[in-house]
Amino acid sequence: MADLKAAFEKAVAESKSLPEKPDNMTLLKIYALYKQATTGDVDGKRPGFTDMVGRAKWDAWNEVKGKDDKSAMQDYIDLIESLK
């Protein structure tokens, strides 16, 4: 687990210096996997339709609901590696 955590933290740092900015759907996936890995399942109510960004983030995070933190970390690492 310590190795996975270290690799995850390295991927988080690398995500800030990718060669090119990912498209919005990929950014949402990165956000969702990060939140799932660090916080767990999304909770609270879905933001209203006037909060488009908040709603998109909530929906993306909700799509990975139920994924355990280790799987979310590994998926995050794999996604960042694929973007380098």
PDB file of N, CA and C in Angstrom:
ATOM      1  N   MET A   1       0.821  -1.202   0.000  1.00  0.00           N
ATOM      2  CA  MET A   1       0.000   0.000   0.000  1.00  0.00           C
ATOM      3  C   MET A   1       0.862   1.261   0.000  1.00  0.00           C
ATOM      4  N   ALA A   2       1.990   1.210   0.719  1.00  0.00           N
ATOM      5  CA  ALA A   2       2.873   2.378   0.765  1.00  0.00           C
ATOM      6  C   ALA A   2       3.405   2.703  -0.628  1.00  0.00           C
ATOM      7  N   ASP A   3       3.728   1.643  -1.408  1.00  0.00           N
ATOM      8  CA  ASP A   3       4.207   1.853  -2.776  1.00  0.00           C
ATOM      9  C   ASP A   3       3.124   2.486  -3.637  1.00  0.00           C
ATOM     10  N   LEU A   4       1.897   1.997  -3.497  1.00  0.00           N
ATOM     11  CA  LEU A   4       0.777   2.527  -4.269  1.00  0.00           C
ATOM     12  C   LEU A   4       0.543   3.991  -3.914  1.00  0.00           C
ATOM     13  N   LYS A   5       0.581   4.305  -2.620  1.00  0.00           N
ATOM     14  CA  LYS A   5       0.374   5.683  -2.158  1.00  0.00           C
ATOM     15  C   LYS A   5       1.462   6.597  -2.723  1.00  0.00           C
ATOM     16  N   ALA A   6       2.707   6.135  -2.702  1.00  0.00           N
ATOM     17  CA  ALA A   6       3.817   6.928  -3.241  1.00  0.00           C
ATOM     18  C   ALA A   6       3.652   7.136  -4.750  1.00  0.00           C
ATOM     19  N   ALA A   7       3.257   6.081  -5.456  1.00  0.00           N
ATOM     20  CA  ALA A   7       3.039   6.188  -6.902  1.00  0.00           C
ATOM     21  C   ALA A   7       1.880   7.134  -7.207  1.00  0.00           C
ATOM     22  N   PHE A   8       0.841   7.080  -6.362  1.00  0.00           N
ATOM     23  CA  PHE A   8      -0.318   7.959  -6.525  1.00  0.00           C
ATOM     24  C   PHE A   8       0.099   9.422  -6.335  1.00  0.00           C
ATOM     25  N   GLU A   9       0.855   9.690  -5.286  1.00  0.00           N
ATOM     26  CA  GLU A   9       1.306  11.055  -5.028  1.00  0.00           C
ATOM     27  C   GLU A   9       2.210  11.565  -6.143  1.00  0.00           C
ATOM     28  N   LYS A  10       3.020  10.682  -6.700  1.00  0.00           N
ATOM     29  CA  LYS A  10       3.885  11.047  -7.835  1.00  0.00           C
ATOM     30  C   LYS A  10       3.022  11.388  -9.054  1.00  0.00           C
ATOM     31  N   ALA A  11       1.986  10.587  -9.289  1.00  0.00           N
ATOM     32  CA  ALA A  11       1.086  10.834 -10.420  1.00  0.00           C
ATOM     33  C   ALA A  11       0.335  12.152 -10.243  1.00  0.00           C
ATOM     34  N   VAL A  12      -0.052  12.459  -9.007  1.00  0.00           N
ATOM     35  CA  VAL A  12      -0.730  13.731  -8.736  1.00  0.00           C
ATOM     36  C   VAL A  12       0.196  14.889  -9.107  1.00  0.00           C
ATOM     37  N   ALA A  13       1.455  14.798  -8.707  1.00  0.00           N
ATOM     38  CA  ALA A  13       2.431  15.843  -9.040  1.00  0.00           C
ATOM     39  C   ALA A  13       2.632  15.928 -10.556  1.00  0.00           C
ATOM     40  N   GLU A  14       2.722  14.775 -11.212  1.00  0.00           N
ATOM     41  CA  GLU A  14       2.930  14.750 -12.664  1.00  0.00           C
ATOM     42  C   GLU A  14       1.710  15.281 -13.419  1.00  0.00           C
ATOM     43  N   SER A  15       0.525  15.149 -12.830  1.00  0.00           N
ATOM     44  CA  SER A  15      -0.690  15.610 -13.508  1.00  0.00           C
ATOM     45  C   SER A  15      -0.676  17.123 -13.711  1.00  0.00           C
ATOM     46  N   LYS A  16       0.112  17.821 -12.910  1.00  0.00           N
ATOM     47  CA  LYS A  16       0.188  19.281 -13.013  1.00  0.00           C
ATOM     48  C   LYS A  16       1.144  19.735 -14.119  1.00  0.00           C
ATOM     49  N   SER A  17       1.914  18.807 -14.682  1.00  0.00           N
ATOM     50  CA  SER A  17       2.873  19.190 -15.722  1.00  0.00           C
ATOM     51  C   SER A  17       2.790  18.256 -16.932  1.00  0.00           C
ATOM     52  N   LEU A  18       1.575  17.939 -17.331  1.00  0.00           N
ATOM     53  CA  LEU A  18       1.390  17.103 -18.524  1.00  0.00           C
ATOM     54  C   LEU A  18       1.797  17.896 -19.760  1.00  0.00           C
ATOM     55  N   PRO A  19       2.242  17.200 -20.820  1.00  0.00           N
ATOM     56  CA  PRO A  19       2.694  17.904 -22.027  1.00  0.00           C
ATOM     57  C   PRO A  19       1.605  18.778 -22.657  1.00  0.00           C
ATOM     58  N   GLU A  20       0.361  18.322 -22.599  1.00  0.00           N
ATOM     59  CA  GLU A  20      -0.737  19.154 -23.085  1.00  0.00           C
ATOM     60  C   GLU A  20      -1.949  18.978 -22.174  1.00  0.00           C
ATOM     61  N   LYS A  21      -2.784  20.017 -22.151  1.00  0.00           N
ATOM     62  CA  LYS A  21      -3.952  19.992 -21.260  1.00  0.00           C
ATOM     63  C   LYS A  21      -4.969  18.978 -21.793  1.00  0.00           C
ATOM     64  N   PRO A  22      -5.414  18.050 -20.940  1.00  0.00           N
ATOM     65  CA  PRO A  22      -6.413  17.067 -21.378  1.00  0.00           C
ATOM     66  C   PRO A  22      -7.756  17.731 -21.674  1.00  0.00           C
ATOM     67  N   ASP A  23      -8.591  17.049 -22.457  1.00  0.00           N
ATOM     68  CA  ASP A  23      -9.924  17.573 -22.741  1.00  0.00           C
ATOM     69  C   ASP A  23     -10.771  17.532 -21.457  1.00  0.00           C
ATOM     70  N   ASN A  24     -11.912  18.189 -21.495  1.00  0.00           N
ATOM     71  CA  ASN A  24     -12.747  18.322 -20.299  1.00  0.00           C
ATOM     72  C   ASN A  24     -13.220  16.984 -19.731  1.00  0.00           C
ATOM     73  N   MET A  25     -13.557  16.036 -20.581  1.00  0.00           N
ATOM     74  CA  MET A  25     -14.018  14.733 -20.090  1.00  0.00           C
ATOM     75  C   MET A  25     -12.899  14.015 -19.336  1.00  0.00           C
ATOM     76  N   THR A  26     -11.683  14.121 -19.851  1.00  0.00           N
ATOM     77  CA  THR A  26     -10.530  13.502 -19.183  1.00  0.00           C
ATOM     78  C   THR A  26     -10.236  14.209 -17.868  1.00  0.00           C
ATOM     79  N   LEU A  27     -10.349  15.537 -17.872  1.00  0.00           N
ATOM     80  CA  LEU A  27     -10.143  16.283 -16.632  1.00  0.00           C
ATOM     81  C   LEU A  27     -11.160  15.873 -15.570  1.00  0.00           C
ATOM     82  N   LEU A  28     -12.399  15.655 -15.980  1.00  0.00           N
ATOM     83  CA  LEU A  28     -13.431  15.218 -15.036  1.00  0.00           C
ATOM     84  C   LEU A  28     -13.104  13.834 -14.481  1.00  0.00           C
ATOM     85  N   LYS A  29     -12.581  12.956 -15.344  1.00  0.00           N
ATOM     86  CA  LYS A  29     -12.219  11.610 -14.897  1.00  0.00           C
ATOM     87  C   LYS A  29     -11.062  11.680 -13.892  1.00  0.00           C
ATOM     88  N   ILE A  30     -10.075  12.529 -14.180  1.00  0.00           N
ATOM     89  CA  ILE A  30      -8.953  12.728 -13.259  1.00  0.00           C
ATOM     90  C   ILE A  30      -9.483  13.218 -11.912  1.00  0.00           C
ATOM     91  N   TYR A  31     -10.361  14.212 -11.959  1.00  0.00           N
ATOM     92  CA  TYR A  31     -10.954  14.764 -10.727  1.00  0.00           C
ATOM     93  C   TYR A  31     -11.699  13.681  -9.948  1.00  0.00           C
ATOM     94  N   ALA A  32     -12.537  12.925 -10.654  1.00  0.00           N
ATOM     95  CA  ALA A  32     -13.370  11.914 -10.002  1.00  0.00           C
ATOM     96  C   ALA A  32     -12.516  10.834  -9.341  1.00  0.00           C
ATOM     97  N   LEU A  33     -11.505  10.359 -10.045  1.00  0.00           N
ATOM     98  CA  LEU A  33     -10.644   9.314  -9.479  1.00  0.00           C
ATOM     99  C   LEU A  33      -9.844   9.845  -8.287  1.00  0.00           C
ATOM    100  N   TYR A  34      -9.395  11.098  -8.385  1.00  0.00           N
ATOM    101  CA  TYR A  34      -8.665  11.691  -7.260  1.00  0.00           C
ATOM    102  C   TYR A  34      -9.565  11.781  -6.028  1.00  0.00           C
ATOM    103  N   LYS A  35     -10.773  12.294  -6.220  1.00  0.00           N
ATOM    104  CA  LYS A  35     -11.701  12.446  -5.096  1.00  0.00           C
ATOM    105  C   LYS A  35     -12.077  11.091  -4.507  1.00  0.00           C
ATOM    106  N   GLN A  36     -12.294  10.104  -5.366  1.00  0.00           N
ATOM    107  CA  GLN A  36     -12.666   8.772  -4.889  1.00  0.00           C
ATOM    108  C   GLN A  36     -11.515   8.156  -4.095  1.00  0.00           C
ATOM    109  N   ALA A  37     -10.297   8.353  -4.578  1.00  0.00           N
ATOM    110  CA  ALA A  37      -9.120   7.785  -3.908  1.00  0.00           C
ATOM    111  C   ALA A  37      -8.844   8.466  -2.571  1.00  0.00           C
ATOM    112  N   THR A  38      -9.095   9.770  -2.484  1.00  0.00           N
ATOM    113  CA  THR A  38      -8.732  10.512  -1.277  1.00  0.00           C
ATOM    114  C   THR A  38      -9.887  10.708  -0.304  1.00  0.00           C
ATOM    115  N   THR A  39     -11.133  10.724  -0.804  1.00  0.00           N
ATOM    116  CA  THR A  39     -12.279  11.041   0.040  1.00  0.00           C
ATOM    117  C   THR A  39     -13.271   9.898   0.165  1.00  0.00           C
ATOM    118  N   GLY A  40     -13.376   9.072  -0.889  1.00  0.00           N
ATOM    119  CA  GLY A  40     -14.374   8.006  -0.895  1.00  0.00           C
ATOM    120  C   GLY A  40     -15.580   8.420  -1.721  1.00  0.00           C
ATOM    121  N   ASP A  41     -16.685   7.741  -1.498  1.00  0.00           N
ATOM    122  CA  ASP A  41     -17.887   7.987  -2.300  1.00  0.00           C
ATOM    123  C   ASP A  41     -18.397   9.416  -2.142  1.00  0.00           C
ATOM    124  N   VAL A  42     -18.933   9.912  -3.259  1.00  0.00           N
ATOM    125  CA  VAL A  42     -19.552  11.239  -3.255  1.00  0.00           C
ATOM    126  C   VAL A  42     -20.752  11.216  -2.310  1.00  0.00           C
ATOM    127  N   ASP A  43     -20.954  12.332  -1.616  1.00  0.00           N
ATOM    128  CA  ASP A  43     -22.143  12.435  -0.787  1.00  0.00           C
ATOM    129  C   ASP A  43     -22.728  13.833  -0.967  1.00  0.00           C
ATOM    130  N   GLY A  44     -23.846  14.064  -0.381  1.00  0.00           N
ATOM    131  CA  GLY A  44     -24.506  15.346  -0.564  1.00  0.00           C
ATOM    132  C   GLY A  44     -25.383  15.322  -1.799  1.00  0.00           C
ATOM    133  N   LYS A  45     -26.119  16.384  -1.971  1.00  0.00           N
ATOM    134  CA  LYS A  45     -27.045  16.465  -3.093  1.00  0.00           C
ATOM    135  C   LYS A  45     -26.325  16.916  -4.357  1.00  0.00           C
ATOM    136  N   ARG A  46     -26.856  16.485  -5.476  1.00  0.00           N
ATOM    137  CA  ARG A  46     -26.327  16.896  -6.773  1.00  0.00           C
ATOM    138  C   ARG A  46     -26.605  18.389  -6.946  1.00  0.00           C
ATOM    139  N   PRO A  47     -25.586  19.156  -7.367  1.00  0.00           N
ATOM    140  CA  PRO A  47     -25.802  20.597  -7.566  1.00  0.00           C
ATOM    141  C   PRO A  47     -26.897  20.859  -8.603  1.00  0.00           C
ATOM    142  N   GLY A  48     -27.534  21.996  -8.484  1.00  0.00           N
ATOM    143  CA  GLY A  48     -28.611  22.366  -9.403  1.00  0.00           C
ATOM    144  C   GLY A  48     -28.092  22.672 -10.797  1.00  0.00           C
ATOM    145  N   PHE A  49     -29.023  22.819 -11.743  1.00  0.00           N
ATOM    146  CA  PHE A  49     -28.630  23.011 -13.136  1.00  0.00           C
ATOM    147  C   PHE A  49     -27.945  24.352 -13.382  1.00  0.00           C
ATOM    148  N   THR A  50     -28.041  25.295 -12.451  1.00  0.00           N
ATOM    149  CA  THR A  50     -27.350  26.576 -12.631  1.00  0.00           C
ATOM    150  C   THR A  50     -25.860  26.470 -12.324  1.00  0.00           C
ATOM    151  N   ASP A  51     -25.465  25.421 -11.604  1.00  0.00           N
ATOM    152  CA  ASP A  51     -24.046  25.185 -11.291  1.00  0.00           C
ATOM    153  C   ASP A  51     -23.532  24.081 -12.218  1.00  0.00           C
ATOM    154  N   MET A  52     -23.262  24.463 -13.465  1.00  0.00           N
ATOM    155  CA  MET A  52     -22.879  23.479 -14.490  1.00  0.00           C
ATOM    156  C   MET A  52     -21.578  22.756 -14.138  1.00  0.00           C
ATOM    157  N   VAL A  53     -20.581  23.488 -13.669  1.00  0.00           N
ATOM    158  CA  VAL A  53     -19.281  22.886 -13.356  1.00  0.00           C
ATOM    159  C   VAL A  53     -19.423  21.944 -12.158  1.00  0.00           C
ATOM    160  N   GLY A  54     -20.063  22.415 -11.112  1.00  0.00           N
ATOM    161  CA  GLY A  54     -20.271  21.590  -9.923  1.00  0.00           C
ATOM    162  C   GLY A  54     -21.056  20.332 -10.238  1.00  0.00           C
ATOM    163  N   ARG A  55     -22.041  20.478 -11.095  1.00  0.00           N
ATOM    164  CA  ARG A  55     -22.877  19.337 -11.483  1.00  0.00           C
ATOM    165  C   ARG A  55     -22.058  18.316 -12.280  1.00  0.00           C
ATOM    166  N   ALA A  56     -21.230  18.790 -13.199  1.00  0.00           N
ATOM    167  CA  ALA A  56     -20.393  17.893 -14.011  1.00  0.00           C
ATOM    168  C   ALA A  56     -19.394  17.149 -13.126  1.00  0.00           C
ATOM    169  N   LYS A  57     -18.804  17.860 -12.170  1.00  0.00           N
ATOM    170  CA  LYS A  57     -17.852  17.220 -11.255  1.00  0.00           C
ATOM    171  C   LYS A  57     -18.566  16.178 -10.388  1.00  0.00           C
ATOM    172  N   TRP A  58     -19.742  16.540  -9.875  1.00  0.00           N
ATOM    173  CA  TRP A  58     -20.505  15.620  -9.024  1.00  0.00           C
ATOM    174  C   TRP A  58     -20.869  14.359  -9.811  1.00  0.00           C
ATOM    175  N   ASP A  59     -21.330  14.544 -11.049  1.00  0.00           N
ATOM    176  CA  ASP A  59     -21.711  13.400 -11.895  1.00  0.00           C
ATOM    177  C   ASP A  59     -20.514  12.492 -12.171  1.00  0.00           C
ATOM    178  N   ALA A  60     -19.366  13.091 -12.482  1.00  0.00           N
ATOM    179  CA  ALA A  60     -18.159  12.298 -12.773  1.00  0.00           C
ATOM    180  C   ALA A  60     -17.745  11.503 -11.541  1.00  0.00           C
ATOM    181  N   TRP A  61     -17.777  12.140 -10.385  1.00  0.00           N
ATOM    182  CA  TRP A  61     -17.405  11.474  -9.137  1.00  0.00           C
ATOM    183  C   TRP A  61     -18.403  10.376  -8.808  1.00  0.00           C
ATOM    184  N   ASN A  62     -19.679  10.639  -9.068  1.00  0.00           N
ATOM    185  CA  ASN A  62     -20.725   9.656  -8.782  1.00  0.00           C
ATOM    186  C   ASN A  62     -20.567   8.405  -9.657  1.00  0.00           C
ATOM    187  N   GLU A  63     -19.991   8.565 -10.853  1.00  0.00           N
ATOM    188  CA  GLU A  63     -19.784   7.424 -11.758  1.00  0.00           C
ATOM    189  C   GLU A  63     -18.794   6.405 -11.202  1.00  0.00           C
ATOM    190  N   VAL A  64     -17.881   6.840 -10.337  1.00  0.00           N
ATOM    191  CA  VAL A  64     -16.904   5.906  -9.758  1.00  0.00           C
ATOM    192  C   VAL A  64     -17.280   5.511  -8.325  1.00  0.00           C
ATOM    193  N   LYS A  65     -18.489   5.813  -7.947  1.00  0.00           N
ATOM    194  CA  LYS A  65     -18.981   5.488  -6.603  1.00  0.00           C
ATOM    195  C   LYS A  65     -18.867   3.983  -6.364  1.00  0.00           C
ATOM    196  N   GLY A  66     -18.401   3.620  -5.179  1.00  0.00           N
ATOM    197  CA  GLY A  66     -18.264   2.211  -4.836  1.00  0.00           C
ATOM    198  C   GLY A  66     -16.885   1.638  -5.108  1.00  0.00           C
ATOM    199  N   LYS A  67     -16.077   2.354  -5.883  1.00  0.00           N
ATOM    200  CA  LYS A  67     -14.710   1.886  -6.176  1.00  0.00           C
ATOM    201  C   LYS A  67     -13.861   2.101  -4.923  1.00  0.00           C
ATOM    202  N   ASP A  68     -13.103   1.070  -4.519  1.00  0.00           N
ATOM    203  CA  ASP A  68     -12.283   1.228  -3.320  1.00  0.00           C
ATOM    204  C   ASP A  68     -11.094   2.144  -3.601  1.00  0.00           C
ATOM    205  N   ASP A  69     -10.478   2.664  -2.548  1.00  0.00           N
ATOM    206  CA  ASP A  69      -9.415   3.657  -2.713  1.00  0.00           C
ATOM    207  C   ASP A  69      -8.211   3.120  -3.481  1.00  0.00           C
ATOM    208  N   LYS A  70      -7.863   1.852  -3.276  1.00  0.00           N
ATOM    209  CA  LYS A  70      -6.715   1.279  -3.990  1.00  0.00           C
ATOM    210  C   LYS A  70      -6.969   1.216  -5.495  1.00  0.00           C
ATOM    211  N   SER A  71      -8.158   0.783  -5.876  1.00  0.00           N
ATOM    212  CA  SER A  71      -8.514   0.725  -7.305  1.00  0.00           C
ATOM    213  C   SER A  71      -8.546   2.116  -7.913  1.00  0.00           C
ATOM    214  N   ALA A  72      -9.102   3.076  -7.185  1.00  0.00           N
ATOM    215  CA  ALA A  72      -9.166   4.451  -7.685  1.00  0.00           C
ATOM    216  C   ALA A  72      -7.763   5.026  -7.859  1.00  0.00           C
ATOM    217  N   MET A  73      -6.876   4.749  -6.895  1.00  0.00           N
ATOM    218  CA  MET A  73      -5.491   5.221  -7.008  1.00  0.00           C
ATOM    219  C   MET A  73      -4.820   4.618  -8.230  1.00  0.00           C
ATOM    220  N   GLN A  74      -4.988   3.310  -8.425  1.00  0.00           N
ATOM    221  CA  GLN A  74      -4.353   2.641  -9.560  1.00  0.00           C
ATOM    222  C   GLN A  74      -4.909   3.165 -10.882  1.00  0.00           C
ATOM    223  N   ASP A  75      -6.215   3.365 -10.961  1.00  0.00           N
ATOM    224  CA  ASP A  75      -6.829   3.909 -12.182  1.00  0.00           C
ATOM    225  C   ASP A  75      -6.317   5.321 -12.454  1.00  0.00           C
ATOM    226  N   TYR A  76      -6.152   6.108 -11.404  1.00  0.00           N
ATOM    227  CA  TYR A  76      -5.631   7.473 -11.537  1.00  0.00           C
ATOM    228  C   TYR A  76      -4.204   7.424 -12.090  1.00  0.00           C
ATOM    229  N   ILE A  77      -3.381   6.576 -11.497  1.00  0.00           N
ATOM    230  CA  ILE A  77      -1.980   6.429 -11.944  1.00  0.00           C
ATOM    231  C   ILE A  77      -1.940   6.024 -13.419  1.00  0.00           C
ATOM    232  N   ASP A  78      -2.753   5.027 -13.781  1.00  0.00           N
ATOM    233  CA  ASP A  78      -2.781   4.543 -15.168  1.00  0.00           C
ATOM    234  C   ASP A  78      -3.225   5.643 -16.133  1.00  0.00           C
ATOM    235  N   LEU A  79      -4.225   6.425 -15.722  1.00  0.00           N
ATOM    236  CA  LEU A  79      -4.723   7.505 -16.585  1.00  0.00           C
ATOM    237  C   LEU A  79      -3.652   8.576 -16.793  1.00  0.00           C
ATOM    238  N   ILE A  80      -2.988   8.982 -15.735  1.00  0.00           N
ATOM    239  CA  ILE A  80      -1.927  10.002 -15.860  1.00  0.00           C
ATOM    240  C   ILE A  80      -0.788   9.469 -16.730  1.00  0.00           C
ATOM    241  N   GLU A  81      -0.409   8.200 -16.541  1.00  0.00           N
ATOM    242  CA  GLU A  81       0.652   7.590 -17.369  1.00  0.00           C
ATOM    243  C   GLU A  81       0.268   7.625 -18.844  1.00  0.00           C
ATOM    244  N   SER A  82      -1.001   7.376 -19.151  1.00  0.00           N
ATOM    245  CA  SER A  82      -1.451   7.345 -20.543  1.00  0.00           C
ATOM    246  C   SER A  82      -1.439   8.738 -21.180  1.00  0.00           C
ATOM    247  N   LEU A  83      -1.439   9.779 -20.355  1.00  0.00           N
ATOM    248  CA  LEU A  83      -1.473  11.149 -20.872  1.00  0.00           C
ATOM    249  C   LEU A  83      -0.093  11.762 -21.057  1.00  0.00           C
ATOM    250  N   LYS A  84       0.946  11.057 -20.579  1.00  0.00           N
ATOM    251  CA  LYS A  84       2.305  11.608 -20.682  1.00  0.00           C
ATOM    252  C   LYS A  84       2.875  11.448 -22.060  1.00  0.00           C
TER     253      LYS A  84
END
